[in-house]
Amino acid sequence: MVNSLTSSATSLITNAQHKAVDAAHTISRLPITEEEVGSTEFDSNSLVKPVLSLKNAELENSAGVKLLEVGQETVGSLFDETI
């Protein structure tokens, strides 16, 4: 059970890292010039999807960390029971 939790957590964290890197890359490649910043001509819709993807990656990473914590608590409980 603990191995399954660790494996799921690792998978979530790895996927979150890839998603964050892809979103950051997309944001960094958006054609924003100095004149566009703060103007009404800037298409903010092009930022929505990658920003939401970054938030999703943050949530996936948090879920992976919570799974690792549960696995650690489970192992701790098992050691407490054997003592």
PDB file of N, CA and C in Angstrom:
ATOM      1  N   MET A   1       0.822  -1.189   0.000  1.00  0.00           N
ATOM      2  CA  MET A   1       0.000   0.000   0.000  1.00  0.00           C
ATOM      3  C   MET A   1       0.870   1.259   0.000  1.00  0.00           C
ATOM      4  N   VAL A   2       1.901   1.255   0.815  1.00  0.00           N
ATOM      5  CA  VAL A   2       2.774   2.422   0.898  1.00  0.00           C
ATOM      6  C   VAL A   2       3.507   2.628  -0.421  1.00  0.00           C
ATOM      7  N   ASN A   3       3.942   1.529  -1.050  1.00  0.00           N
ATOM      8  CA  ASN A   3       4.610   1.652  -2.346  1.00  0.00           C
ATOM      9  C   ASN A   3       3.675   2.234  -3.387  1.00  0.00           C
ATOM     10  N   SER A   4       2.417   1.846  -3.326  1.00  0.00           N
ATOM     11  CA  SER A   4       1.423   2.364  -4.262  1.00  0.00           C
ATOM     12  C   SER A   4       1.225   3.869  -4.064  1.00  0.00           C
ATOM     13  N   LEU A   5       1.163   4.308  -2.805  1.00  0.00           N
ATOM     14  CA  LEU A   5       1.018   5.736  -2.511  1.00  0.00           C
ATOM     15  C   LEU A   5       2.233   6.516  -3.003  1.00  0.00           C
ATOM     16  N   THR A   6       3.406   5.977  -2.755  1.00  0.00           N
ATOM     17  CA  THR A   6       4.634   6.644  -3.175  1.00  0.00           C
ATOM     18  C   THR A   6       4.717   6.725  -4.694  1.00  0.00           C
ATOM     19  N   SER A   7       4.339   5.654  -5.352  1.00  0.00           N
ATOM     20  CA  SER A   7       4.360   5.633  -6.810  1.00  0.00           C
ATOM     21  C   SER A   7       3.364   6.639  -7.383  1.00  0.00           C
ATOM     22  N   SER A   8       2.169   6.697  -6.826  1.00  0.00           N
ATOM     23  CA  SER A   8       1.162   7.657  -7.286  1.00  0.00           C
ATOM     24  C   SER A   8       1.622   9.091  -7.028  1.00  0.00           C
ATOM     25  N   ALA A   9       2.204   9.310  -5.870  1.00  0.00           N
ATOM     26  CA  ALA A   9       2.684  10.649  -5.520  1.00  0.00           C
ATOM     27  C   ALA A   9       3.796  11.086  -6.467  1.00  0.00           C
ATOM     28  N   THR A  10       4.725  10.198  -6.728  1.00  0.00           N
ATOM     29  CA  THR A  10       5.825  10.509  -7.632  1.00  0.00           C
ATOM     30  C   THR A  10       5.310  10.824  -9.031  1.00  0.00           C
ATOM     31  N   SER A  11       4.343  10.058  -9.471  1.00  0.00           N
ATOM     32  CA  SER A  11       3.750  10.282 -10.784  1.00  0.00           C
ATOM     33  C   SER A  11       3.058  11.648 -10.854  1.00  0.00           C
ATOM     34  N   LEU A  12       2.285  11.981  -9.821  1.00  0.00           N
ATOM     35  CA  LEU A  12       1.616  13.284  -9.780  1.00  0.00           C
ATOM     36  C   LEU A  12       2.610  14.439  -9.796  1.00  0.00           C
ATOM     37  N   ILE A  13       3.642  14.333  -8.994  1.00  0.00           N
ATOM     38  CA  ILE A  13       4.633  15.404  -8.906  1.00  0.00           C
ATOM     39  C   ILE A  13       5.388  15.550 -10.228  1.00  0.00           C
ATOM     40  N   THR A  14       5.745  14.429 -10.848  1.00  0.00           N
ATOM     41  CA  THR A  14       6.447  14.476 -12.133  1.00  0.00           C
ATOM     42  C   THR A  14       5.562  15.100 -13.209  1.00  0.00           C
ATOM     43  N   ASN A  15       4.300  14.687 -13.270  1.00  0.00           N
ATOM     44  CA  ASN A  15       3.373  15.265 -14.240  1.00  0.00           C
ATOM     45  C   ASN A  15       3.187  16.761 -13.998  1.00  0.00           C
ATOM     46  N   ALA A  16       3.115  17.147 -12.738  1.00  0.00           N
ATOM     47  CA  ALA A  16       2.954  18.564 -12.397  1.00  0.00           C
ATOM     48  C   ALA A  16       4.169  19.368 -12.854  1.00  0.00           C
ATOM     49  N   GLN A  17       5.358  18.810 -12.681  1.00  0.00           N
ATOM     50  CA  GLN A  17       6.573  19.501 -13.120  1.00  0.00           C
ATOM     51  C   GLN A  17       6.580  19.695 -14.634  1.00  0.00           C
ATOM     52  N   HIS A  18       6.210  18.656 -15.362  1.00  0.00           N
ATOM     53  CA  HIS A  18       6.167  18.761 -16.825  1.00  0.00           C
ATOM     54  C   HIS A  18       5.126  19.783 -17.273  1.00  0.00           C
ATOM     55  N   LYS A  19       3.972  19.758 -16.624  1.00  0.00           N
ATOM     56  CA  LYS A  19       2.909  20.696 -16.969  1.00  0.00           C
ATOM     57  C   LYS A  19       3.344  22.134 -16.698  1.00  0.00           C
ATOM     58  N   ALA A  20       4.019  22.357 -15.576  1.00  0.00           N
ATOM     59  CA  ALA A  20       4.487  23.702 -15.229  1.00  0.00           C
ATOM     60  C   ALA A  20       5.543  24.187 -16.216  1.00  0.00           C
ATOM     61  N   VAL A  21       6.455  23.313 -16.600  1.00  0.00           N
ATOM     62  CA  VAL A  21       7.498  23.684 -17.560  1.00  0.00           C
ATOM     63  C   VAL A  21       6.871  24.038 -18.905  1.00  0.00           C
ATOM     64  N   ASP A  22       5.924  23.221 -19.363  1.00  0.00           N
ATOM     65  CA  ASP A  22       5.263  23.501 -20.645  1.00  0.00           C
ATOM     66  C   ASP A  22       4.513  24.825 -20.601  1.00  0.00           C
ATOM     67  N   ALA A  23       3.795  25.080 -19.519  1.00  0.00           N
ATOM     68  CA  ALA A  23       3.030  26.326 -19.395  1.00  0.00           C
ATOM     69  C   ALA A  23       3.971  27.529 -19.339  1.00  0.00           C
ATOM     70  N   ALA A  24       5.045  27.412 -18.582  1.00  0.00           N
ATOM     71  CA  ALA A  24       6.003  28.519 -18.489  1.00  0.00           C
ATOM     72  C   ALA A  24       6.649  28.789 -19.849  1.00  0.00           C
ATOM     73  N   HIS A  25       6.946  27.732 -20.573  1.00  0.00           N
ATOM     74  CA  HIS A  25       7.524  27.888 -21.905  1.00  0.00           C
ATOM     75  C   HIS A  25       6.533  28.592 -22.832  1.00  0.00           C
ATOM     76  N   THR A  26       5.266  28.198 -22.769  1.00  0.00           N
ATOM     77  CA  THR A  26       4.241  28.832 -23.594  1.00  0.00           C
ATOM     78  C   THR A  26       4.121  30.314 -23.267  1.00  0.00           C
ATOM     79  N   ILE A  27       4.110  30.630 -21.978  1.00  0.00           N
ATOM     80  CA  ILE A  27       3.994  32.032 -21.560  1.00  0.00           C
ATOM     81  C   ILE A  27       5.211  32.838 -22.028  1.00  0.00           C
ATOM     82  N   SER A  28       6.373  32.247 -21.900  1.00  0.00           N
ATOM     83  CA  SER A  28       7.588  32.983 -22.269  1.00  0.00           C
ATOM     84  C   SER A  28       7.684  33.242 -23.765  1.00  0.00           C
ATOM     85  N   ARG A  29       7.000  32.450 -24.568  1.00  0.00           N
ATOM     86  CA  ARG A  29       7.074  32.608 -26.013  1.00  0.00           C
ATOM     87  C   ARG A  29       5.932  33.449 -26.589  1.00  0.00           C
ATOM     88  N   LEU A  30       5.055  33.941 -25.735  1.00  0.00           N
ATOM     89  CA  LEU A  30       3.971  34.787 -26.226  1.00  0.00           C
ATOM     90  C   LEU A  30       4.535  36.087 -26.780  1.00  0.00           C
ATOM     91  N   PRO A  31       3.990  36.552 -27.881  1.00  0.00           N
ATOM     92  CA  PRO A  31       4.518  37.763 -28.526  1.00  0.00           C
ATOM     93  C   PRO A  31       4.047  39.035 -27.810  1.00  0.00           C
ATOM     94  N   ILE A  32       4.740  39.372 -26.751  1.00  0.00           N
ATOM     95  CA  ILE A  32       4.394  40.572 -25.993  1.00  0.00           C
ATOM     96  C   ILE A  32       5.553  41.550 -26.139  1.00  0.00           C
ATOM     97  N   THR A  33       5.269  42.669 -26.729  1.00  0.00           N
ATOM     98  CA  THR A  33       6.299  43.693 -26.850  1.00  0.00           C
ATOM     99  C   THR A  33       6.071  44.742 -25.769  1.00  0.00           C
ATOM    100  N   GLU A  34       7.010  45.606 -25.609  1.00  0.00           N
ATOM    101  CA  GLU A  34       6.912  46.640 -24.579  1.00  0.00           C
ATOM    102  C   GLU A  34       5.688  47.522 -24.792  1.00  0.00           C
ATOM    103  N   GLU A  35       5.348  47.763 -26.052  1.00  0.00           N
ATOM    104  CA  GLU A  35       4.202  48.622 -26.336  1.00  0.00           C
ATOM    105  C   GLU A  35       2.870  47.956 -25.988  1.00  0.00           C
ATOM    106  N   GLU A  36       2.839  46.613 -25.972  1.00  0.00           N
ATOM    107  CA  GLU A  36       1.587  45.903 -25.704  1.00  0.00           C
ATOM    108  C   GLU A  36       1.238  45.855 -24.219  1.00  0.00           C
ATOM    109  N   VAL A  37       2.226  45.915 -23.374  1.00  0.00           N
ATOM    110  CA  VAL A  37       1.987  45.784 -21.944  1.00  0.00           C
ATOM    111  C   VAL A  37       1.144  46.955 -21.458  1.00  0.00           C
ATOM    112  N   GLY A  38       0.013  46.629 -20.887  1.00  0.00           N
ATOM    113  CA  GLY A  38      -0.877  47.652 -20.353  1.00  0.00           C
ATOM    114  C   GLY A  38      -1.790  48.276 -21.385  1.00  0.00           C
ATOM    115  N   SER A  39      -1.667  47.874 -22.638  1.00  0.00           N
ATOM    116  CA  SER A  39      -2.540  48.447 -23.661  1.00  0.00           C
ATOM    117  C   SER A  39      -3.769  47.572 -23.856  1.00  0.00           C
ATOM    118  N   THR A  40      -4.765  48.091 -24.525  1.00  0.00           N
ATOM    119  CA  THR A  40      -5.983  47.329 -24.784  1.00  0.00           C
ATOM    120  C   THR A  40      -5.818  46.388 -25.963  1.00  0.00           C
ATOM    121  N   GLU A  41      -4.731  46.502 -26.725  1.00  0.00           N
ATOM    122  CA  GLU A  41      -4.498  45.649 -27.876  1.00  0.00           C
ATOM    123  C   GLU A  41      -3.936  44.281 -27.501  1.00  0.00           C
ATOM    124  N   PHE A  42      -3.468  44.117 -26.291  1.00  0.00           N
ATOM    125  CA  PHE A  42      -2.903  42.849 -25.848  1.00  0.00           C
ATOM    126  C   PHE A  42      -4.020  41.828 -25.683  1.00  0.00           C
ATOM    127  N   ASP A  43      -3.848  40.643 -26.270  1.00  0.00           N
ATOM    128  CA  ASP A  43      -4.841  39.573 -26.181  1.00  0.00           C
ATOM    129  C   ASP A  43      -4.590  38.751 -24.920  1.00  0.00           C
ATOM    130  N   SER A  44      -5.287  39.076 -23.864  1.00  0.00           N
ATOM    131  CA  SER A  44      -5.086  38.375 -22.592  1.00  0.00           C
ATOM    132  C   SER A  44      -5.605  36.948 -22.634  1.00  0.00           C
ATOM    133  N   ASN A  45      -6.464  36.621 -23.596  1.00  0.00           N
ATOM    134  CA  ASN A  45      -6.967  35.251 -23.706  1.00  0.00           C
ATOM    135  C   ASN A  45      -5.857  34.249 -23.977  1.00  0.00           C
ATOM    136  N   SER A  46      -4.790  34.690 -24.628  1.00  0.00           N
ATOM    137  CA  SER A  46      -3.680  33.785 -24.902  1.00  0.00           C
ATOM    138  C   SER A  46      -2.929  33.396 -23.628  1.00  0.00           C
ATOM    139  N   LEU A  47      -3.117  34.161 -22.559  1.00  0.00           N
ATOM    140  CA  LEU A  47      -2.479  33.848 -21.274  1.00  0.00           C
ATOM    141  C   LEU A  47      -3.319  32.939 -20.394  1.00  0.00           C
ATOM    142  N   VAL A  48      -4.622  32.891 -20.632  1.00  0.00           N
ATOM    143  CA  VAL A  48      -5.529  32.181 -19.727  1.00  0.00           C
ATOM    144  C   VAL A  48      -5.174  30.704 -19.621  1.00  0.00           C
ATOM    145  N   LYS A  49      -5.062  30.020 -20.748  1.00  0.00           N
ATOM    146  CA  LYS A  49      -4.815  28.577 -20.711  1.00  0.00           C
ATOM    147  C   LYS A  49      -3.497  28.219 -20.021  1.00  0.00           C
ATOM    148  N   PRO A  50      -2.364  28.848 -20.359  1.00  0.00           N
ATOM    149  CA  PRO A  50      -1.126  28.473 -19.663  1.00  0.00           C
ATOM    150  C   PRO A  50      -1.116  28.848 -18.182  1.00  0.00           C
ATOM    151  N   VAL A  51      -1.767  29.941 -17.819  1.00  0.00           N
ATOM    152  CA  VAL A  51      -1.827  30.306 -16.397  1.00  0.00           C
ATOM    153  C   VAL A  51      -2.675  29.292 -15.626  1.00  0.00           C
ATOM    154  N   LEU A  52      -3.785  28.879 -16.226  1.00  0.00           N
ATOM    155  CA  LEU A  52      -4.601  27.843 -15.585  1.00  0.00           C
ATOM    156  C   LEU A  52      -3.843  26.521 -15.499  1.00  0.00           C
ATOM    157  N   SER A  53      -3.044  26.247 -16.501  1.00  0.00           N
ATOM    158  CA  SER A  53      -2.229  25.033 -16.475  1.00  0.00           C
ATOM    159  C   SER A  53      -1.198  25.092 -15.346  1.00  0.00           C
ATOM    160  N   LEU A  54      -0.623  26.270 -15.114  1.00  0.00           N
ATOM    161  CA  LEU A  54       0.304  26.435 -13.981  1.00  0.00           C
ATOM    162  C   LEU A  54      -0.401  26.196 -12.647  1.00  0.00           C
ATOM    163  N   LYS A  55      -1.613  26.718 -12.519  1.00  0.00           N
ATOM    164  CA  LYS A  55      -2.381  26.517 -11.282  1.00  0.00           C
ATOM    165  C   LYS A  55      -2.708  25.041 -11.102  1.00  0.00           C
ATOM    166  N   ASN A  56      -3.081  24.389 -12.197  1.00  0.00           N
ATOM    167  CA  ASN A  56      -3.375  22.961 -12.145  1.00  0.00           C
ATOM    168  C   ASN A  56      -2.139  22.181 -11.715  1.00  0.00           C
ATOM    169  N   ALA A  57      -0.981  22.561 -12.237  1.00  0.00           N
ATOM    170  CA  ALA A  57       0.268  21.903 -11.853  1.00  0.00           C
ATOM    171  C   ALA A  57       0.549  22.095 -10.366  1.00  0.00           C
ATOM    172  N   GLU A  58       0.264  23.287  -9.861  1.00  0.00           N
ATOM    173  CA  GLU A  58       0.451  23.547  -8.424  1.00  0.00           C
ATOM    174  C   GLU A  58      -0.442  22.631  -7.586  1.00  0.00           C
ATOM    175  N   LEU A  59      -1.693  22.481  -8.004  1.00  0.00           N
ATOM    176  CA  LEU A  59      -2.627  21.625  -7.268  1.00  0.00           C
ATOM    177  C   LEU A  59      -2.216  20.150  -7.347  1.00  0.00           C
ATOM    178  N   GLU A  60      -1.771  19.711  -8.522  1.00  0.00           N
ATOM    179  CA  GLU A  60      -1.298  18.335  -8.655  1.00  0.00           C
ATOM    180  C   GLU A  60      -0.076  18.081  -7.777  1.00  0.00           C
ATOM    181  N   ASN A  61       0.817  19.036  -7.731  1.00  0.00           N
ATOM    182  CA  ASN A  61       2.001  18.902  -6.890  1.00  0.00           C
ATOM    183  C   ASN A  61       1.600  18.808  -5.410  1.00  0.00           C
ATOM    184  N   SER A  62       0.665  19.638  -4.990  1.00  0.00           N
ATOM    185  CA  SER A  62       0.188  19.602  -3.601  1.00  0.00           C
ATOM    186  C   SER A  62      -0.448  18.251  -3.279  1.00  0.00           C
ATOM    187  N   ALA A  63      -1.204  17.712  -4.230  1.00  0.00           N
ATOM    188  CA  ALA A  63      -1.822  16.400  -4.020  1.00  0.00           C
ATOM    189  C   ALA A  63      -0.750  15.320  -3.886  1.00  0.00           C
ATOM    190  N   GLY A  64       0.296  15.413  -4.703  1.00  0.00           N
ATOM    191  CA  GLY A  64       1.389  14.449  -4.603  1.00  0.00           C
ATOM    192  C   GLY A  64       2.097  14.521  -3.265  1.00  0.00           C
ATOM    193  N   VAL A  65       2.304  15.725  -2.775  1.00  0.00           N
ATOM    194  CA  VAL A  65       2.947  15.903  -1.463  1.00  0.00           C
ATOM    195  C   VAL A  65       2.060  15.325  -0.357  1.00  0.00           C
ATOM    196  N   LYS A  66       0.751  15.560  -0.457  1.00  0.00           N
ATOM    197  CA  LYS A  66      -0.175  15.010   0.547  1.00  0.00           C
ATOM    198  C   LYS A  66      -0.128  13.485   0.537  1.00  0.00           C
ATOM    199  N   LEU A  67      -0.053  12.875  -0.651  1.00  0.00           N
ATOM    200  CA  LEU A  67       0.052  11.416  -0.725  1.00  0.00           C
ATOM    201  C   LEU A  67       1.333  10.928  -0.064  1.00  0.00           C
ATOM    202  N   LEU A  68       2.438  11.638  -0.287  1.00  0.00           N
ATOM    203  CA  LEU A  68       3.699  11.254   0.370  1.00  0.00           C
ATOM    204  C   LEU A  68       3.578  11.354   1.886  1.00  0.00           C
ATOM    205  N   GLU A  69       2.895  12.398   2.358  1.00  0.00           N
ATOM    206  CA  GLU A  69       2.711  12.562   3.803  1.00  0.00           C
ATOM    207  C   GLU A  69       1.874  11.419   4.378  1.00  0.00           C
ATOM    208  N   VAL A  70       0.822  11.036   3.657  1.00  0.00           N
ATOM    209  CA  VAL A  70      -0.021   9.925   4.121  1.00  0.00           C
ATOM    210  C   VAL A  70       0.793   8.637   4.164  1.00  0.00           C
ATOM    211  N   GLY A  71       1.604   8.414   3.142  1.00  0.00           N
ATOM    212  CA  GLY A  71       2.456   7.225   3.132  1.00  0.00           C
ATOM    213  C   GLY A  71       3.425   7.212   4.290  1.00  0.00           C
ATOM    214  N   GLN A  72       3.987   8.366   4.587  1.00  0.00           N
ATOM    215  CA  GLN A  72       4.927   8.472   5.712  1.00  0.00           C
ATOM    216  C   GLN A  72       4.218   8.218   7.042  1.00  0.00           C
ATOM    217  N   GLU A  73       3.017   8.765   7.192  1.00  0.00           N
ATOM    218  CA  GLU A  73       2.243   8.537   8.415  1.00  0.00           C
ATOM    219  C   GLU A  73       1.869   7.066   8.554  1.00  0.00           C
ATOM    220  N   THR A  74       1.563   6.411   7.443  1.00  0.00           N
ATOM    221  CA  THR A  74       1.208   4.996   7.465  1.00  0.00           C
ATOM    222  C   THR A  74       2.387   4.156   7.922  1.00  0.00           C
ATOM    223  N   VAL A  75       3.562   4.442   7.388  1.00  0.00           N
ATOM    224  CA  VAL A  75       4.762   3.715   7.802  1.00  0.00           C
ATOM    225  C   VAL A  75       5.030   3.966   9.288  1.00  0.00           C
ATOM    226  N   GLY A  76       4.871   5.208   9.724  1.00  0.00           N
ATOM    227  CA  GLY A  76       5.060   5.531  11.145  1.00  0.00           C
ATOM    228  C   GLY A  76       4.091   4.763  12.022  1.00  0.00           C
ATOM    229  N   SER A  77       2.854   4.662  11.582  1.00  0.00           N
ATOM    230  CA  SER A  77       1.847   3.915  12.349  1.00  0.00           C
ATOM    231  C   SER A  77       2.197   2.442  12.417  1.00  0.00           C
ATOM    232  N   LEU A  78       2.705   1.900  11.331  1.00  0.00           N
ATOM    233  CA  LEU A  78       3.087   0.494  11.323  1.00  0.00           C
ATOM    234  C   LEU A  78       4.224   0.239  12.299  1.00  0.00           C
ATOM    235  N   PHE A  79       5.193   1.154  12.351  1.00  0.00           N
ATOM    236  CA  PHE A  79       6.292   0.992  13.308  1.00  0.00           C
ATOM    237  C   PHE A  79       5.786   1.134  14.744  1.00  0.00           C
ATOM    238  N   ASP A  80       4.840   2.035  14.971  1.00  0.00           N
ATOM    239  CA  ASP A  80       4.296   2.205  16.321  1.00  0.00           C
ATOM    240  C   ASP A  80       3.569   0.941  16.781  1.00  0.00           C
ATOM    241  N   GLU A  81       2.897   0.263  15.864  1.00  0.00           N
ATOM    242  CA  GLU A  81       2.155  -0.955  16.203  1.00  0.00           C
ATOM    243  C   GLU A  81       3.074  -2.115  16.514  1.00  0.00           C
ATOM    244  N   THR A  82       4.244  -2.142  15.905  1.00  0.00           N
ATOM    245  CA  THR A  82       5.156  -3.269  16.120  1.00  0.00           C
ATOM    246  C   THR A  82       5.993  -3.111  17.370  1.00  0.00           C
ATOM    247  N   ILE A  83       6.011  -1.935  17.930  1.00  0.00           N
ATOM    248  CA  ILE A  83       6.851  -1.703  19.121  1.00  0.00           C
ATOM    249  C   ILE A  83       6.102  -2.095  20.370  1.00  0.00           C
TER     250      ILE A  83
END
